[in-house]
């Protein structure tokens, strides 16, 4: 079955989706955005119909799959309406604003006959896919460290967020949602769901702008993952020495894996790096794949799944998982106490 796309939202992230859809020769038949000028270049490129009201797109019988690329505060309502209209859904991260909304969407998607994908594109770096393949060789896992640092500026010596209010307004949070969510997905993609966590969240004083969050994710087997996401002003740190400092390091009794990602909006510059240490042979192997745009790989994968009518990953439960952990980080930080993670009976 050939998927026919309706795109809701033509903001900054949409250019990666449109580029990827063009590469796989997908049919984009309807585009909706409240700002006509934002949509018109894509309307012309794909020869698509245009609406300022997404409900008109959902009522279009030719549309079979809806890509939800709006701000996350609109995701729940649009996703629920799309499922009700019988459409498959691709939803940009984060899937919703909180755990309650995520549960609503997850239950609706799981009860439907529709396919639902959450767009965590970092799973599609070849280095991450190879890491997943090598993970069983590590044996019993006992430790992991995860970092997602992005250069937004020096928020540690500010007493206001003038000019940055839009971040929390659009995304329901700042660094945890915008930077940390992808690496939380990466953590659960490779290691599964944690049982509990303890977190500290540092806000710009008097605001809801989280500039740094640190959490210990606790697993039933005793493994603890140290996770940190932060804004920072440091210009020449990280794998690429361009301020982007993001990695996951996983240690087991038989070895260690390290994955270093590259700047999300310029993935063509360098490949993500995978380093595998094998404790049996005491050798280190570096995997340096050709640079790829993970959006292109992700969208092609979704397109193939839609064509075959197969539910792939990341799915609606993966989106739910991240939203639950993000809310738990905020809750633990406010209580200054550990939080048991409630998965609400939604199975992986």
Protein backbone atom coordinates (compact mmCIF):
# COMPACT_ATOMS: atom_id res chain seq x y z
CA UNK A 1 0.00 0.00 0.00
CA UNK A 2 1.47 3.35 -1.02
CA UNK A 3 1.37 5.82 1.89
CA UNK A 4 0.06 9.27 1.06
CA UNK A 5 1.24 11.94 3.44
CA UNK A 6 -0.46 14.84 5.12
CA UNK A 7 1.99 17.15 6.88
CA UNK A 8 0.80 19.26 9.82
CA UNK A 9 3.27 21.98 10.77
CA UNK A 10 5.92 23.63 8.59
CA UNK A 11 8.27 25.00 11.25
CA UNK A 12 12.00 24.43 11.53
CA UNK A 13 11.98 20.66 11.98
CA UNK A 14 9.76 20.12 8.93
CA UNK A 15 12.56 20.81 6.44
CA UNK A 16 14.27 17.57 7.43
CA UNK A 17 11.07 15.59 6.99
CA UNK A 18 10.24 17.18 3.63
CA UNK A 19 13.80 16.57 2.41
CA UNK A 20 13.62 12.93 3.45
CA UNK A 21 10.17 12.44 1.92
CA UNK A 22 11.44 13.84 -1.37
CA UNK A 23 14.40 11.44 -1.29
CA UNK A 24 12.12 8.41 -0.98
CA UNK A 25 9.73 9.74 -3.65
CA UNK A 26 6.87 9.87 -1.18
CA UNK A 27 3.55 11.43 -2.18
CA UNK A 28 2.73 14.45 -0.03
CA UNK A 29 -0.87 15.26 -0.91
CA UNK A 30 -1.94 17.77 1.76
CA UNK A 31 -0.08 20.27 3.96
CA UNK A 32 -1.52 22.29 6.84
CA UNK A 33 -0.06 25.23 8.73
CA UNK A 34 -1.52 28.33 10.35
CA UNK A 35 1.17 30.38 8.55
CA UNK A 36 0.60 30.06 4.77
CA UNK A 37 4.00 31.52 3.88
CA UNK A 38 5.76 28.77 5.83
CA UNK A 39 3.96 26.07 3.88
CA UNK A 40 3.94 27.50 0.37
CA UNK A 41 7.43 26.38 -0.74
CA UNK A 42 6.55 22.78 0.15
CA UNK A 43 3.05 23.05 -1.32
CA UNK A 44 4.63 24.06 -4.62
CA UNK A 45 7.40 21.44 -4.49
CA UNK A 46 5.03 18.53 -3.86
CA UNK A 47 1.97 19.87 -5.67
CA UNK A 48 -0.01 19.40 -2.48
CA UNK A 49 -3.29 20.83 -1.30
CA UNK A 50 -3.05 23.40 1.48
CA UNK A 51 -5.16 24.19 4.54
CA UNK A 52 -4.73 26.51 7.49
CA UNK A 53 -6.90 24.18 9.60
CA UNK A 54 -5.43 20.74 10.24
CA UNK A 55 -8.93 19.29 10.57
CA UNK A 56 -9.42 19.83 6.85
CA UNK A 57 -6.32 17.75 6.23
CA UNK A 58 -7.63 14.98 8.51
CA UNK A 59 -10.91 14.98 6.58
CA UNK A 60 -9.06 14.47 3.28
CA UNK A 61 -9.76 10.87 2.18
CA UNK A 62 -6.58 10.72 0.11
CA UNK A 63 -4.35 11.21 3.17
CA UNK A 64 -3.38 7.87 4.74
CA UNK A 65 -0.61 8.97 7.11
CA UNK A 66 -0.22 12.20 9.06
CA UNK A 67 3.15 13.64 10.10
CA UNK A 68 2.64 15.79 13.20
CA UNK A 69 5.45 18.37 13.16
CA UNK A 70 3.91 21.12 15.28
CA UNK A 71 4.99 22.30 18.72
CA UNK A 72 4.58 19.47 21.21
CA UNK A 73 1.79 21.23 23.11
CA UNK A 74 -0.51 20.47 20.16
CA UNK A 75 0.55 16.86 19.67
CA UNK A 76 -2.03 15.13 21.85
CA UNK A 77 -5.07 16.71 20.25
CA UNK A 78 -3.79 16.27 16.70
CA UNK A 79 -2.64 12.68 17.24
CA UNK A 80 -5.94 11.67 18.84
CA UNK A 81 -7.90 13.33 16.03
CA UNK A 82 -5.71 11.66 13.39
CA UNK A 83 -6.23 8.23 14.92
CA UNK A 84 -9.97 8.89 15.16
CA UNK A 85 -9.94 9.77 11.46
CA UNK A 86 -8.31 6.42 10.66
CA UNK A 87 -4.91 7.82 9.74
CA UNK A 88 -1.49 6.38 10.52
CA UNK A 89 0.68 8.80 12.50
CA UNK A 90 4.29 9.93 12.59
CA UNK A 91 4.77 12.28 15.57
CA UNK A 92 7.86 14.38 16.20
CA UNK A 93 9.38 14.23 19.68
CA UNK A 94 8.41 14.79 22.36
CA UNK A 95 5.20 12.90 21.77
CA UNK A 96 3.15 14.93 24.27
CA UNK A 97 3.46 17.40 27.14
CA UNK A 98 3.22 14.97 30.07
CA UNK A 99 2.63 11.39 31.14
CA UNK A 100 -1.17 11.68 31.25
CA UNK A 101 -1.33 12.94 27.68
CA UNK A 102 1.15 10.29 26.59
CA UNK A 103 -0.98 7.57 28.15
CA UNK A 104 -4.05 8.87 26.31
CA UNK A 105 -2.29 8.79 22.95
CA UNK A 106 -0.66 5.42 23.60
CA UNK A 107 -3.92 3.74 24.59
CA UNK A 108 -5.74 5.24 21.59
CA UNK A 109 -3.01 4.12 19.18
CA UNK A 110 -2.76 0.62 20.65
CA UNK A 111 -6.54 0.20 20.48
CA UNK A 112 -6.65 1.28 16.84
CA UNK A 113 -5.70 -0.51 13.65
CA UNK A 114 -3.32 2.29 12.77
CA UNK A 115 0.47 2.46 12.72
CA UNK A 116 2.10 5.03 15.01
CA UNK A 117 5.74 6.13 14.99
CA UNK A 118 7.51 8.58 17.31
CA UNK A 119 10.34 10.38 15.53
CA UNK A 120 13.45 9.84 17.63
CA UNK A 121 15.84 10.01 14.71
CA UNK A 122 19.08 9.36 16.63
CA UNK A 123 18.28 5.66 16.69
CA UNK A 124 19.05 5.70 12.97
CA UNK A 125 22.72 6.62 13.13
CA UNK A 126 24.67 3.56 11.86
CA UNK A 127 26.83 3.82 15.00
CA UNK A 128 23.76 3.36 17.21
CA UNK A 129 22.48 0.45 15.15
CA UNK A 130 25.90 -1.23 15.37
CA UNK A 131 26.01 -0.59 19.12
CA UNK A 132 22.68 -2.38 19.52
CA UNK A 133 24.12 -5.32 17.57
CA UNK A 134 27.25 -5.48 19.76
CA UNK A 135 25.49 -4.91 23.09
CA UNK A 136 25.02 -8.63 23.96
CA UNK A 137 28.80 -9.09 23.78
CA UNK A 138 29.22 -6.89 26.86
CA UNK A 139 27.76 -9.57 29.13
CA UNK A 140 26.15 -8.46 32.37
CA UNK A 141 25.77 -4.69 32.32
CA UNK A 142 26.60 -2.76 35.46
CA UNK A 143 26.98 0.91 34.57
CA UNK A 144 26.18 3.58 31.97
CA UNK A 145 26.74 7.30 31.56
CA UNK A 146 24.63 9.47 29.27
CA UNK A 147 25.20 13.12 28.37
CA UNK A 148 23.32 15.63 26.25
CA UNK A 149 24.99 19.04 26.47
CA UNK A 150 24.12 21.78 24.00
CA UNK A 151 25.58 25.26 23.66
CA UNK A 152 22.69 27.64 24.24
CA UNK A 153 24.74 30.26 26.10
CA UNK A 154 25.53 31.05 29.72
CA UNK A 155 22.26 30.58 31.60
CA UNK A 156 24.08 30.11 34.90
CA UNK A 157 24.72 33.80 35.45
CA UNK A 158 21.32 35.07 34.30
CA UNK A 159 18.45 36.22 36.48
CA UNK A 160 15.91 36.18 33.62
CA UNK A 161 15.24 34.41 30.32
CA UNK A 162 14.35 37.45 28.24
CA UNK A 163 14.19 36.40 24.63
CA UNK A 164 14.02 32.70 25.49
CA UNK A 165 10.48 32.50 26.86
CA UNK A 166 9.33 30.84 23.65
CA UNK A 167 11.26 27.63 24.39
CA UNK A 168 9.17 26.54 27.38
CA UNK A 169 6.02 27.91 25.74
CA UNK A 170 6.53 25.83 22.60
CA UNK A 171 7.95 22.65 24.09
CA UNK A 172 6.63 22.54 27.66
CA UNK A 173 10.17 22.72 29.03
CA UNK A 174 13.69 23.64 28.04
CA UNK A 175 16.83 21.51 28.04
CA UNK A 176 15.31 18.22 29.24
CA UNK A 177 12.69 18.19 26.48
CA UNK A 178 14.72 19.79 23.71
CA UNK A 179 18.11 18.14 24.32
CA UNK A 180 17.66 15.35 26.83
CA UNK A 181 14.65 13.60 25.34
CA UNK A 182 16.57 12.02 22.47
CA UNK A 183 19.19 10.55 24.79
CA UNK A 184 16.53 9.30 27.20
CA UNK A 185 15.06 7.46 24.23
CA UNK A 186 18.53 6.18 23.35
CA UNK A 187 18.99 4.93 26.90
CA UNK A 188 15.73 2.99 26.91
CA UNK A 189 16.26 1.81 23.33
CA UNK A 190 19.50 0.11 24.38
CA UNK A 191 18.89 -0.66 28.06
CA UNK A 192 15.13 -0.87 28.55
CA UNK A 193 12.91 0.88 31.07
CA UNK A 194 14.33 1.88 34.47
CA UNK A 195 12.39 1.06 37.64
CA UNK A 196 12.99 4.33 39.49
CA UNK A 197 15.03 7.50 39.36
CA UNK A 198 16.42 10.28 41.49
CA UNK A 199 16.92 13.68 39.89
CA UNK A 200 17.99 17.25 40.41
CA UNK A 201 16.67 19.93 38.06
CA UNK A 202 18.29 23.35 37.96
CA UNK A 203 16.07 26.20 36.71
CA UNK A 204 16.88 29.79 35.89
CA UNK A 205 15.65 31.36 39.15
CA UNK A 206 11.99 32.34 39.15
CA UNK A 207 11.27 30.61 35.83
CA UNK A 208 10.24 27.21 34.42
CA UNK A 209 13.33 27.23 32.18
CA UNK A 210 15.36 24.13 33.10
CA UNK A 211 18.99 24.80 32.26
CA UNK A 212 20.42 21.53 33.64
CA UNK A 213 19.06 18.22 34.89
CA UNK A 214 20.93 15.31 36.44
CA UNK A 215 19.32 11.95 37.14
CA UNK A 216 20.23 8.49 38.34
CA UNK A 217 18.12 5.91 36.50
CA UNK A 218 17.89 2.75 38.59
CA UNK A 219 17.34 -0.69 37.05
CA UNK A 220 16.03 -3.83 38.77
CA UNK A 221 19.34 -5.69 38.36
CA UNK A 222 21.24 -3.04 40.31
CA UNK A 223 22.59 -1.14 37.32
CA UNK A 224 22.43 2.64 37.61
CA UNK A 225 22.58 4.99 34.63
CA UNK A 226 23.98 8.46 35.24
CA UNK A 227 22.16 10.90 32.96
CA UNK A 228 22.80 14.60 32.53
CA UNK A 229 21.53 17.20 30.11
CA UNK A 230 22.60 20.82 30.22
CA UNK A 231 22.80 24.12 28.43
CA UNK A 232 26.34 25.46 28.40
CA UNK A 233 28.51 28.28 26.95
CA UNK A 234 31.57 26.17 26.03
CA UNK A 235 32.38 26.58 22.35
CA UNK A 236 35.06 23.98 21.57
CA UNK A 237 34.20 20.88 23.57
CA UNK A 238 32.74 17.53 22.54
CA UNK A 239 33.54 14.89 19.93
CA UNK A 240 33.47 17.38 17.04
CA UNK A 241 34.98 20.20 19.12
CA UNK A 242 32.07 22.39 18.05
CA UNK A 243 30.31 22.58 21.47
CA UNK A 244 28.05 19.56 20.82
CA UNK A 245 28.81 17.15 23.66
CA UNK A 246 26.54 14.13 23.57
CA UNK A 247 27.31 10.47 24.20
CA UNK A 248 26.26 7.22 25.82
CA UNK A 249 28.81 4.90 27.44
CA UNK A 250 27.72 1.41 28.53
CA UNK A 251 29.90 -0.93 30.56
CA UNK A 252 29.53 -4.67 31.05
CA UNK A 253 31.72 -7.36 32.53
CA UNK A 254 33.02 -8.28 29.05
CA UNK A 255 33.58 -4.84 27.58
CA UNK A 256 32.36 -1.32 26.91
CA UNK A 257 30.55 0.61 24.19
CA UNK A 258 30.77 4.36 23.61
CA UNK A 259 28.60 6.22 21.09
CA UNK A 260 29.33 9.87 20.29
CA UNK A 261 26.67 11.67 18.27
CA UNK A 262 27.11 14.66 15.98
CA UNK A 263 25.32 18.00 15.83
CA UNK A 264 21.73 17.21 14.98
CA UNK A 265 21.16 19.80 12.25
CA UNK A 266 24.52 19.25 10.51
CA UNK A 267 24.91 15.46 10.50
CA UNK A 268 26.51 15.57 7.05
CA UNK A 269 29.76 16.98 8.49
CA UNK A 270 30.92 13.92 10.43
CA UNK A 271 29.70 10.43 11.26
CA UNK A 272 28.60 9.45 14.73
CA UNK A 273 31.40 7.45 16.34
CA UNK A 274 31.18 4.03 18.01
CA UNK A 275 34.01 2.70 20.16
CA UNK A 276 33.92 -0.95 21.27
CA UNK A 277 36.30 -2.31 23.89
CA UNK A 278 36.45 -6.12 24.06
CA UNK A 279 37.79 -7.24 27.42
CA UNK A 280 38.50 -10.79 26.22
CA UNK A 281 40.95 -9.70 23.55
CA UNK A 282 41.79 -6.39 25.25
CA UNK A 283 41.31 -4.62 21.93
CA UNK A 284 39.52 -1.42 20.98
CA UNK A 285 37.68 -1.03 17.68
CA UNK A 286 36.46 2.32 16.35
CA UNK A 287 33.57 2.30 13.89
CA UNK A 288 33.61 5.40 11.71
CA UNK A 289 30.75 5.08 9.25
CA UNK A 290 30.13 7.44 6.36
CA UNK A 291 28.20 10.55 7.44
CA UNK A 292 24.44 10.16 7.04
CA UNK A 293 21.43 12.29 7.76
CA UNK A 294 19.50 10.17 10.29
CA UNK A 295 16.26 11.94 9.33
CA UNK A 296 16.61 10.47 5.84
CA UNK A 297 17.20 6.98 7.20
CA UNK A 298 14.34 7.31 9.69
CA UNK A 299 11.76 8.55 7.19
CA UNK A 300 12.73 5.89 4.64
CA UNK A 301 12.28 3.26 7.36
CA UNK A 302 8.87 4.65 8.34
CA UNK A 303 7.89 4.77 4.66
CA UNK A 304 8.85 1.11 4.20
CA UNK A 305 6.95 0.08 7.34
CA UNK A 306 3.87 1.96 6.17
CA UNK A 307 4.08 0.34 2.75
CA UNK A 308 4.32 -3.15 4.27
CA UNK A 309 1.78 -2.33 7.03
CA UNK A 310 4.28 -3.29 9.72
CA UNK A 311 4.60 -1.54 13.07
CA UNK A 312 8.25 -0.64 13.59
CA UNK A 313 10.13 1.22 16.31
CA UNK A 314 10.23 3.81 17.77
CA UNK A 315 6.49 3.43 18.25
CA UNK A 316 3.84 5.06 20.43
CA UNK A 317 5.06 3.21 23.53
CA UNK A 318 8.57 4.54 22.99
CA UNK A 319 7.13 8.06 22.90
CA UNK A 320 5.14 7.29 26.06
CA UNK A 321 8.26 5.97 27.82
CA UNK A 322 10.21 9.18 27.28
CA UNK A 323 7.33 11.39 28.42
CA UNK A 324 6.94 9.33 31.61
CA UNK A 325 10.65 9.64 32.45
CA UNK A 326 10.73 13.39 31.71
CA UNK A 327 7.80 13.96 34.07
CA UNK A 328 9.43 11.77 36.73
CA UNK A 329 12.66 13.79 36.50
CA UNK A 330 10.71 16.99 37.16
CA UNK A 331 8.76 15.35 40.01
CA UNK A 332 11.85 13.93 41.68
CA UNK A 333 13.65 17.24 41.32
CA UNK A 334 10.82 19.16 42.98
CA UNK A 335 10.44 16.63 45.81
CA UNK A 336 14.17 16.07 46.30
CA UNK A 337 13.32 12.40 46.57
CA UNK A 338 13.42 9.21 44.50
CA UNK A 339 10.43 8.43 42.27
CA UNK A 340 9.18 4.98 41.30
CA UNK A 341 8.33 4.92 37.59
CA UNK A 342 4.71 4.09 36.87
CA UNK A 343 4.35 2.48 33.45
CA UNK A 344 0.56 2.40 33.86
CA UNK A 345 0.14 -1.12 32.58
CA UNK A 346 1.35 -0.21 29.09
CA UNK A 347 3.60 -3.01 27.90
CA UNK A 348 6.65 -2.49 25.74
